[in-house]
PDB file of all heavy atoms in Angstrom:
ATOM      1  N   VAL A   1      48.008  86.059 140.980  1.00  0.00           N
ATOM      2  CA  VAL A   1      48.205  87.498 141.122  1.00  0.00           C
ATOM      3  C   VAL A   1      46.875  88.201 140.848  1.00  0.00           C
ATOM      4  O   VAL A   1      46.325  88.093 139.748  1.00  0.00           O
ATOM      5  CB  VAL A   1      49.299  88.005 140.163  1.00  0.00           C
ATOM      6  CG1 VAL A   1      49.581  89.485 140.415  1.00  0.00           C
ATOM      7  CG2 VAL A   1      50.580  87.180 140.332  1.00  0.00           C
ATOM      8  N   PHE A   2      46.376  88.910 141.850  1.00  0.00           N
ATOM      9  CA  PHE A   2      45.110  89.642 141.746  1.00  0.00           C
ATOM     10  C   PHE A   2      45.401  91.128 141.609  1.00  0.00           C
ATOM     11  O   PHE A   2      46.233  91.677 142.328  1.00  0.00           O
ATOM     12  CB  PHE A   2      44.242  89.405 142.988  1.00  0.00           C
ATOM     13  CG  PHE A   2      43.671  88.019 143.093  1.00  0.00           C
ATOM     14  CD1 PHE A   2      44.467  86.950 143.505  1.00  0.00           C
ATOM     15  CD2 PHE A   2      42.334  87.775 142.793  1.00  0.00           C
ATOM     16  CE1 PHE A   2      43.938  85.660 143.615  1.00  0.00           C
ATOM     17  CE2 PHE A   2      41.793  86.493 142.902  1.00  0.00           C
ATOM     18  CZ  PHE A   2      42.601  85.439 143.307  1.00  0.00           C
ATOM     19  N   ARG A   3      44.687  91.762 140.679  1.00  0.00           N
ATOM     20  CA  ARG A   3      44.828  93.202 140.451  1.00  0.00           C
ATOM     21  C   ARG A   3      43.499  93.875 140.741  1.00  0.00           C
ATOM     22  O   ARG A   3      42.431  93.325 140.451  1.00  0.00           O
ATOM     23  CB  ARG A   3      45.270  93.456 139.011  1.00  0.00           C
ATOM     24  CG  ARG A   3      45.400  94.931 138.649  1.00  0.00           C
ATOM     25  CD  ARG A   3      45.854  95.068 137.208  1.00  0.00           C
ATOM     26  NE  ARG A   3      47.234  94.649 137.041  1.00  0.00           N
ATOM     27  CZ  ARG A   3      47.785  94.335 135.862  1.00  0.00           C
ATOM     28  NH1 ARG A   3      47.043  94.350 134.761  1.00  0.00           N
ATOM     29  NH2 ARG A   3      49.050  93.992 135.783  1.00  0.00           N
ATOM     30  N   LEU A   4      43.559  95.078 141.321  1.00  0.00           N
ATOM     31  CA  LEU A   4      42.348  95.816 141.648  1.00  0.00           C
ATOM     32  C   LEU A   4      41.762  96.443 140.381  1.00  0.00           C
ATOM     33  O   LEU A   4      42.425  97.223 139.695  1.00  0.00           O
ATOM     34  CB  LEU A   4      42.655  96.910 142.680  1.00  0.00           C
ATOM     35  CG  LEU A   4      41.449  97.660 143.257  1.00  0.00           C
ATOM     36  CD1 LEU A   4      40.514  96.710 143.993  1.00  0.00           C
ATOM     37  CD2 LEU A   4      41.914  98.776 144.190  1.00  0.00           C
ATOM     38  N   GLU A   5      40.537  96.066 140.059  1.00  0.00           N
ATOM     39  CA  GLU A   5      39.816  96.634 138.921  1.00  0.00           C
ATOM     40  C   GLU A   5      38.539  97.267 139.449  1.00  0.00           C
ATOM     41  O   GLU A   5      37.614  96.570 139.863  1.00  0.00           O
ATOM     42  CB  GLU A   5      39.498  95.548 137.894  1.00  0.00           C
ATOM     43  CG  GLU A   5      40.736  94.891 137.293  1.00  0.00           C
ATOM     44  CD  GLU A   5      40.396  93.779 136.315  1.00  0.00           C
ATOM     45  OE1 GLU A   5      39.177  93.540 136.097  1.00  0.00           O
ATOM     46  OE2 GLU A   5      41.332  93.151 135.773  1.00  0.00           O
ATOM     47  N   GLY A   6      38.516  98.581 139.455  1.00  0.00           N
ATOM     48  CA  GLY A   6      37.391  99.285 140.075  1.00  0.00           C
ATOM     49  C   GLY A   6      37.452  99.091 141.571  1.00  0.00           C
ATOM     50  O   GLY A   6      38.429  99.478 142.215  1.00  0.00           O
ATOM     51  N   ASP A   7      36.433  98.464 142.134  1.00  0.00           N
ATOM     52  CA  ASP A   7      36.433  98.192 143.568  1.00  0.00           C
ATOM     53  C   ASP A   7      36.525  96.698 143.861  1.00  0.00           C
ATOM     54  O   ASP A   7      36.163  96.247 144.944  1.00  0.00           O
ATOM     55  CB  ASP A   7      35.187  98.790 144.232  1.00  0.00           C
ATOM     56  CG  ASP A   7      33.888  98.247 143.616  1.00  0.00           C
ATOM     57  OD1 ASP A   7      33.975  97.400 142.701  1.00  0.00           O
ATOM     58  OD2 ASP A   7      32.806  98.682 144.051  1.00  0.00           O
ATOM     59  N   THR A   8      37.044  95.926 142.873  1.00  0.00           N
ATOM     60  CA  THR A   8      37.115  94.471 143.038  1.00  0.00           C
ATOM     61  C   THR A   8      38.472  93.950 142.595  1.00  0.00           C
ATOM     62  O   THR A   8      39.006  94.360 141.558  1.00  0.00           O
ATOM     63  CB  THR A   8      36.020  93.779 142.198  1.00  0.00           C
ATOM     64  OG1 THR A   8      34.745  94.294 142.575  1.00  0.00           O
ATOM     65  CG2 THR A   8      36.046  92.272 142.426  1.00  0.00           C
ATOM     66  N   TYR A   9      39.044  93.046 143.383  1.00  0.00           N
ATOM     67  CA  TYR A   9      40.263  92.350 142.982  1.00  0.00           C
ATOM     68  C   TYR A   9      39.903  91.187 142.070  1.00  0.00           C
ATOM     69  O   TYR A   9      39.004  90.392 142.380  1.00  0.00           O
ATOM     70  CB  TYR A   9      41.016  91.829 144.207  1.00  0.00           C
ATOM     71  CG  TYR A   9      41.972  92.842 144.810  1.00  0.00           C
ATOM     72  CD1 TYR A   9      41.590  93.626 145.893  1.00  0.00           C
ATOM     73  CD2 TYR A   9      43.243  93.017 144.278  1.00  0.00           C
ATOM     74  CE1 TYR A   9      42.457  94.558 146.438  1.00  0.00           C
ATOM     75  CE2 TYR A   9      44.130  93.949 144.813  1.00  0.00           C
ATOM     76  CZ  TYR A   9      43.725  94.715 145.891  1.00  0.00           C
ATOM     77  OH  TYR A   9      44.599  95.635 146.415  1.00  0.00           O
ATOM     78  N   ARG A  10      40.603  91.089 140.927  1.00  0.00           N
ATOM     79  CA  ARG A  10      40.382  89.991 139.998  1.00  0.00           C
ATOM     80  C   ARG A  10      41.716  89.335 139.670  1.00  0.00           C
ATOM     81  O   ARG A  10      42.727  90.007 139.483  1.00  0.00           O
ATOM     82  CB  ARG A  10      39.709  90.481 138.717  1.00  0.00           C
ATOM     83  CG  ARG A  10      38.349  91.139 138.957  1.00  0.00           C
ATOM     84  CD  ARG A  10      37.647  91.434 137.640  1.00  0.00           C
ATOM     85  NE  ARG A  10      36.411  92.189 137.870  1.00  0.00           N
ATOM     86  CZ  ARG A  10      35.272  91.648 138.260  1.00  0.00           C
ATOM     87  NH1 ARG A  10      35.206  90.340 138.443  1.00  0.00           N
ATOM     88  NH2 ARG A  10      34.196  92.398 138.456  1.00  0.00           N
ATOM     89  N   CYS A  11      41.709  87.999 139.563  1.00  0.00           N
ATOM     90  CA  CYS A  11      42.920  87.268 139.208  1.00  0.00           C
ATOM     91  C   CYS A  11      43.199  87.457 137.713  1.00  0.00           C
ATOM     92  O   CYS A  11      42.367  87.123 136.876  1.00  0.00           O
ATOM     93  CB  CYS A  11      42.763  85.785 139.529  1.00  0.00           C
ATOM     94  SG  CYS A  11      44.240  84.801 139.143  1.00  0.00           S
ATOM     95  N   PHE A  12      44.358  88.023 137.402  1.00  0.00           N
ATOM     96  CA  PHE A  12      44.678  88.254 135.995  1.00  0.00           C
ATOM     97  C   PHE A  12      45.882  87.446 135.536  1.00  0.00           C
ATOM     98  O   PHE A  12      46.212  87.432 134.342  1.00  0.00           O
ATOM     99  CB  PHE A  12      44.928  89.750 135.744  1.00  0.00           C
ATOM    100  CG  PHE A  12      46.271  90.245 136.207  1.00  0.00           C
ATOM    101  CD1 PHE A  12      47.341  90.354 135.334  1.00  0.00           C
ATOM    102  CD2 PHE A  12      46.468  90.591 137.539  1.00  0.00           C
ATOM    103  CE1 PHE A  12      48.576  90.804 135.766  1.00  0.00           C
ATOM    104  CE2 PHE A  12      47.695  91.050 137.971  1.00  0.00           C
ATOM    105  CZ  PHE A  12      48.757  91.158 137.088  1.00  0.00           C
ATOM    106  N   CYS A  13      46.540  86.730 136.461  1.00  0.00           N
ATOM    107  CA  CYS A  13      47.761  86.020 136.076  1.00  0.00           C
ATOM    108  C   CYS A  13      48.043  84.937 137.112  1.00  0.00           C
ATOM    109  O   CYS A  13      47.879  85.165 138.313  1.00  0.00           O
ATOM    110  CB  CYS A  13      48.920  87.019 136.016  1.00  0.00           C
ATOM    111  SG  CYS A  13      50.506  86.319 135.596  1.00  0.00           S
ATOM    112  N   THR A  14      48.470  83.765 136.658  1.00  0.00           N
ATOM    113  CA  THR A  14      48.815  82.674 137.576  1.00  0.00           C
ATOM    114  C   THR A  14      50.169  82.096 137.188  1.00  0.00           C
ATOM    115  O   THR A  14      50.381  81.684 136.041  1.00  0.00           O
ATOM    116  CB  THR A  14      47.749  81.563 137.561  1.00  0.00           C
ATOM    117  OG1 THR A  14      46.485  82.097 137.947  1.00  0.00           O
ATOM    118  CG2 THR A  14      48.135  80.447 138.528  1.00  0.00           C
ATOM    119  N   ILE A  15      51.090  82.064 138.130  1.00  0.00           N
ATOM    120  CA  ILE A  15      52.395  81.445 137.948  1.00  0.00           C
ATOM    121  C   ILE A  15      52.308  80.036 138.523  1.00  0.00           C
ATOM    122  O   ILE A  15      51.863  79.850 139.662  1.00  0.00           O
ATOM    123  CB  ILE A  15      53.496  82.249 138.663  1.00  0.00           C
ATOM    124  CG1 ILE A  15      53.534  83.688 138.138  1.00  0.00           C
ATOM    125  CG2 ILE A  15      54.854  81.582 138.491  1.00  0.00           C
ATOM    126  CD1 ILE A  15      54.430  84.611 138.944  1.00  0.00           C
ATOM    127  N   GLU A  16      52.730  79.035 137.741  1.00  0.00           N
ATOM    128  CA  GLU A  16      52.594  77.647 138.165  1.00  0.00           C
ATOM    129  C   GLU A  16      53.953  76.946 138.196  1.00  0.00           C
ATOM    130  O   GLU A  16      54.880  77.330 137.488  1.00  0.00           O
ATOM    131  CB  GLU A  16      51.678  76.884 137.209  1.00  0.00           C
ATOM    132  CG  GLU A  16      50.254  77.416 137.143  1.00  0.00           C
ATOM    133  CD  GLU A  16      49.390  76.603 136.193  1.00  0.00           C
ATOM    134  OE1 GLU A  16      49.795  76.468 135.010  1.00  0.00           O
ATOM    135  OE2 GLU A  16      48.352  76.081 136.630  1.00  0.00           O
ATOM    136  N   SER A  17      54.035  75.907 139.017  1.00  0.00           N
ATOM    137  CA  SER A  17      55.242  75.089 139.068  1.00  0.00           C
ATOM    138  C   SER A  17      54.878  73.657 139.456  1.00  0.00           C
ATOM    139  O   SER A  17      53.923  73.428 140.205  1.00  0.00           O
ATOM    140  CB  SER A  17      56.237  75.644 140.096  1.00  0.00           C
ATOM    141  OG  SER A  17      57.326  74.750 140.286  1.00  0.00           O
ATOM    142  N   SER A  18      55.662  72.729 138.951  1.00  0.00           N
ATOM    143  CA  SER A  18      55.467  71.321 139.298  1.00  0.00           C
ATOM    144  C   SER A  18      56.269  70.934 140.532  1.00  0.00           C
ATOM    145  O   SER A  18      56.370  69.753 140.867  1.00  0.00           O
ATOM    146  CB  SER A  18      55.872  70.430 138.119  1.00  0.00           C
ATOM    147  OG  SER A  18      57.215  70.691 137.746  1.00  0.00           O
ATOM    148  N   GLY A  19      56.862  71.908 141.204  1.00  0.00           N
ATOM    149  CA  GLY A  19      57.666  71.625 142.385  1.00  0.00           C
ATOM    150  C   GLY A  19      56.832  71.213 143.581  1.00  0.00           C
ATOM    151  O   GLY A  19      55.597  71.089 143.514  1.00  0.00           O
ATOM    152  N   SER A  20      57.519  71.018 144.685  1.00  0.00           N
ATOM    153  CA  SER A  20      56.852  70.576 145.907  1.00  0.00           C
ATOM    154  C   SER A  20      56.595  71.710 146.896  1.00  0.00           C
ATOM    155  O   SER A  20      55.748  71.572 147.786  1.00  0.00           O
ATOM    156  CB  SER A  20      57.691  69.490 146.595  1.00  0.00           C
ATOM    157  OG  SER A  20      58.976  70.003 146.946  1.00  0.00           O
ATOM    158  N   ALA A  21      57.321  72.829 146.763  1.00  0.00           N
ATOM    159  CA  ALA A  21      57.140  73.936 147.713  1.00  0.00           C
ATOM    160  C   ALA A  21      57.764  75.206 147.139  1.00  0.00           C
ATOM    161  O   ALA A  21      58.587  75.157 146.219  1.00  0.00           O
ATOM    162  CB  ALA A  21      57.771  73.596 149.059  1.00  0.00           C
ATOM    163  N   VAL A  22      57.352  76.333 147.698  1.00  0.00           N
ATOM    164  CA  VAL A  22      57.999  77.613 147.402  1.00  0.00           C
ATOM    165  C   VAL A  22      59.020  77.866 148.503  1.00  0.00           C
ATOM    166  O   VAL A  22      58.667  77.979 149.677  1.00  0.00           O
ATOM    167  CB  VAL A  22      56.974  78.768 147.347  1.00  0.00           C
ATOM    168  CG1 VAL A  22      57.682  80.093 147.087  1.00  0.00           C
ATOM    169  CG2 VAL A  22      55.929  78.501 146.276  1.00  0.00           C
ATOM    170  N   ASP A  23      60.289  77.930 148.129  1.00  0.00           N
ATOM    171  CA  ASP A  23      61.332  78.184 149.123  1.00  0.00           C
ATOM    172  C   ASP A  23      61.318  79.635 149.585  1.00  0.00           C
ATOM    173  O   ASP A  23      61.417  79.915 150.780  1.00  0.00           O
ATOM    174  CB  ASP A  23      62.711  77.851 148.537  1.00  0.00           C
ATOM    175  CG  ASP A  23      63.197  76.485 148.975  1.00  0.00           C
ATOM    176  OD1 ASP A  23      62.461  75.796 149.706  1.00  0.00           O
ATOM    177  OD2 ASP A  23      64.308  76.093 148.598  1.00  0.00           O
ATOM    178  N   SER A  24      61.245  80.551 148.630  1.00  0.00           N
ATOM    179  CA  SER A  24      61.270  81.967 148.976  1.00  0.00           C
ATOM    180  C   SER A  24      60.751  82.782 147.803  1.00  0.00           C
ATOM    181  O   SER A  24      60.701  82.300 146.662  1.00  0.00           O
ATOM    182  CB  SER A  24      62.697  82.417 149.333  1.00  0.00           C
ATOM    183  OG  SER A  24      63.571  82.232 148.217  1.00  0.00           O
ATOM    184  N   VAL A  25      60.350  84.016 148.088  1.00  0.00           N
ATOM    185  CA  VAL A  25      59.908  84.931 147.032  1.00  0.00           C
ATOM    186  C   VAL A  25      60.457  86.310 147.365  1.00  0.00           C
ATOM    187  O   VAL A  25      60.574  86.699 148.537  1.00  0.00           O
ATOM    188  CB  VAL A  25      58.369  84.955 146.910  1.00  0.00           C
ATOM    189  CG1 VAL A  25      57.721  85.460 148.196  1.00  0.00           C
ATOM    190  CG2 VAL A  25      57.927  85.786 145.720  1.00  0.00           C
ATOM    191  N   TYR A  26      60.835  87.019 146.322  1.00  0.00           N
ATOM    192  CA  TYR A  26      61.488  88.319 146.482  1.00  0.00           C
ATOM    193  C   TYR A  26      60.975  89.231 145.381  1.00  0.00           C
ATOM    194  O   TYR A  26      60.772  88.787 144.249  1.00  0.00           O
ATOM    195  CB  TYR A  26      63.009  88.128 146.358  1.00  0.00           C
ATOM    196  CG  TYR A  26      63.863  89.277 146.813  1.00  0.00           C
ATOM    197  CD1 TYR A  26      64.290  89.389 148.127  1.00  0.00           C
ATOM    198  CD2 TYR A  26      64.276  90.257 145.916  1.00  0.00           C
ATOM    199  CE1 TYR A  26      65.092  90.440 148.543  1.00  0.00           C
ATOM    200  CE2 TYR A  26      65.079  91.316 146.322  1.00  0.00           C
ATOM    201  CZ  TYR A  26      65.485  91.389 147.643  1.00  0.00           C
ATOM    202  OH  TYR A  26      66.269  92.439 148.052  1.00  0.00           O
ATOM    203  N   TYR A  27      60.767  90.496 145.696  1.00  0.00           N
ATOM    204  CA  TYR A  27      60.234  91.448 144.717  1.00  0.00           C
ATOM    205  C   TYR A  27      61.280  92.535 144.473  1.00  0.00           C
ATOM    206  O   TYR A  27      61.714  93.204 145.416  1.00  0.00           O
ATOM    207  CB  TYR A  27      58.931  92.072 145.229  1.00  0.00           C
ATOM    208  CG  TYR A  27      57.909  91.037 145.663  1.00  0.00           C
ATOM    209  CD1 TYR A  27      57.717  90.750 147.012  1.00  0.00           C
ATOM    210  CD2 TYR A  27      57.155  90.336 144.733  1.00  0.00           C
ATOM    211  CE1 TYR A  27      56.800  89.796 147.417  1.00  0.00           C
ATOM    212  CE2 TYR A  27      56.239  89.375 145.125  1.00  0.00           C
ATOM    213  CZ  TYR A  27      56.061  89.111 146.471  1.00  0.00           C
ATOM    214  OH  TYR A  27      55.157  88.151 146.879  1.00  0.00           O
ATOM    215  N   GLN A  28      61.684  92.695 143.220  1.00  0.00           N
ATOM    216  CA  GLN A  28      62.738  93.665 142.923  1.00  0.00           C
ATOM    217  C   GLN A  28      62.639  94.134 141.474  1.00  0.00           C
ATOM    218  O   GLN A  28      62.389  93.329 140.565  1.00  0.00           O
ATOM    219  CB  GLN A  28      64.110  93.025 143.153  1.00  0.00           C
ATOM    220  CG  GLN A  28      65.271  93.976 142.990  1.00  0.00           C
ATOM    221  CD  GLN A  28      65.281  95.041 144.067  1.00  0.00           C
ATOM    222  OE1 GLN A  28      65.343  94.734 145.250  1.00  0.00           O
ATOM    223  NE2 GLN A  28      65.209  96.303 143.671  1.00  0.00           N
ATOM    224  N   ASP A  29      62.833  95.421 141.258  1.00  0.00           N
ATOM    225  CA  ASP A  29      62.906  95.970 139.906  1.00  0.00           C
ATOM    226  C   ASP A  29      64.275  95.617 139.337  1.00  0.00           C
ATOM    227  O   ASP A  29      65.298  96.176 139.749  1.00  0.00           O
ATOM    228  CB  ASP A  29      62.706  97.490 139.949  1.00  0.00           C
ATOM    229  CG  ASP A  29      62.831  98.140 138.582  1.00  0.00           C
ATOM    230  OD1 ASP A  29      62.904  97.410 137.574  1.00  0.00           O
ATOM    231  OD2 ASP A  29      62.857  99.384 138.525  1.00  0.00           O
ATOM    232  N   LEU A  30      64.321  94.706 138.400  1.00  0.00           N
ATOM    233  CA  LEU A  30      65.582  94.201 137.854  1.00  0.00           C
ATOM    234  C   LEU A  30      66.016  94.881 136.563  1.00  0.00           C
ATOM    235  O   LEU A  30      67.126  94.633 136.077  1.00  0.00           O
ATOM    236  CB  LEU A  30      65.483  92.693 137.611  1.00  0.00           C
ATOM    237  CG  LEU A  30      65.304  91.815 138.861  1.00  0.00           C
ATOM    238  CD1 LEU A  30      65.069  90.361 138.459  1.00  0.00           C
ATOM    239  CD2 LEU A  30      66.520  91.920 139.780  1.00  0.00           C
ATOM    240  N   ASN A  31      65.152  95.712 135.974  1.00  0.00           N
ATOM    241  CA  ASN A  31      65.537  96.358 134.712  1.00  0.00           C
ATOM    242  C   ASN A  31      65.404  97.879 134.746  1.00  0.00           C
ATOM    243  O   ASN A  31      65.611  98.538 133.723  1.00  0.00           O
ATOM    244  CB  ASN A  31      64.714  95.795 133.551  1.00  0.00           C
ATOM    245  CG  ASN A  31      63.219  96.012 133.741  1.00  0.00           C
ATOM    246  OD1 ASN A  31      62.776  96.624 134.721  1.00  0.00           O
ATOM    247  ND2 ASN A  31      62.422  95.502 132.812  1.00  0.00           N
ATOM    248  N   GLY A  32      65.037  98.436 135.887  1.00  0.00           N
ATOM    249  CA  GLY A  32      65.010  99.881 136.029  1.00  0.00           C
ATOM    250  C   GLY A  32      63.794 100.561 135.444  1.00  0.00           C
ATOM    251  O   GLY A  32      63.792 101.786 135.294  1.00  0.00           O
ATOM    252  N   ASP A  33      62.717  99.804 135.142  1.00  0.00           N
ATOM    253  CA  ASP A  33      61.522 100.432 134.573  1.00  0.00           C
ATOM    254  C   ASP A  33      60.517 100.864 135.634  1.00  0.00           C
ATOM    255  O   ASP A  33      59.433 101.355 135.314  1.00  0.00           O
ATOM    256  CB  ASP A  33      60.855  99.490 133.567  1.00  0.00           C
ATOM    257  CG  ASP A  33      60.268  98.241 134.225  1.00  0.00           C
ATOM    258  OD1 ASP A  33      60.479  98.038 135.448  1.00  0.00           O
ATOM    259  OD2 ASP A  33      59.605  97.458 133.509  1.00  0.00           O
ATOM    260  N   GLY A  34      60.858 100.669 136.901  1.00  0.00           N
ATOM    261  CA  GLY A  34      59.969 101.075 137.981  1.00  0.00           C
ATOM    262  C   GLY A  34      59.030  99.984 138.455  1.00  0.00           C
ATOM    263  O   GLY A  34      58.425 100.109 139.516  1.00  0.00           O
ATOM    264  N   CYS A  35      58.879  98.912 137.675  1.00  0.00           N
ATOM    265  CA  CYS A  35      57.999  97.798 138.057  1.00  0.00           C
ATOM    266  C   CYS A  35      58.834  96.677 138.671  1.00  0.00           C
ATOM    267  O   CYS A  35      59.947  96.405 138.228  1.00  0.00           O
ATOM    268  CB  CYS A  35      57.240  97.269 136.845  1.00  0.00           C
ATOM    269  SG  CYS A  35      56.122  98.479 136.101  1.00  0.00           S
ATOM    270  N   ARG A  36      58.258  96.029 139.663  1.00  0.00           N
ATOM    271  CA  ARG A  36      58.974  94.960 140.347  1.00  0.00           C
ATOM    272  C   ARG A  36      58.745  93.616 139.660  1.00  0.00           C
ATOM    273  O   ARG A  36      57.611  93.254 139.348  1.00  0.00           O
ATOM    274  CB  ARG A  36      58.510  94.853 141.803  1.00  0.00           C
ATOM    275  CG  ARG A  36      58.837  96.072 142.642  1.00  0.00           C
ATOM    276  CD  ARG A  36      58.346  95.865 144.051  1.00  0.00           C
ATOM    277  NE  ARG A  36      58.629  97.010 144.902  1.00  0.00           N
ATOM    278  CZ  ARG A  36      58.325  97.085 146.181  1.00  0.00           C
ATOM    279  NH1 ARG A  36      57.710  96.066 146.773  1.00  0.00           N
ATOM    280  NH2 ARG A  36      58.623  98.157 146.878  1.00  0.00           N
TER     281      ARG A  36
END
């Protein structure tokens, strides 16, 4: 996950898995705080 800092994108977080593939990804605010 890259976030824009100034005029440059920098990686600030990496989600890892020992699986073989990503089946699907979905973005949703699940707690009502406005963030997905």
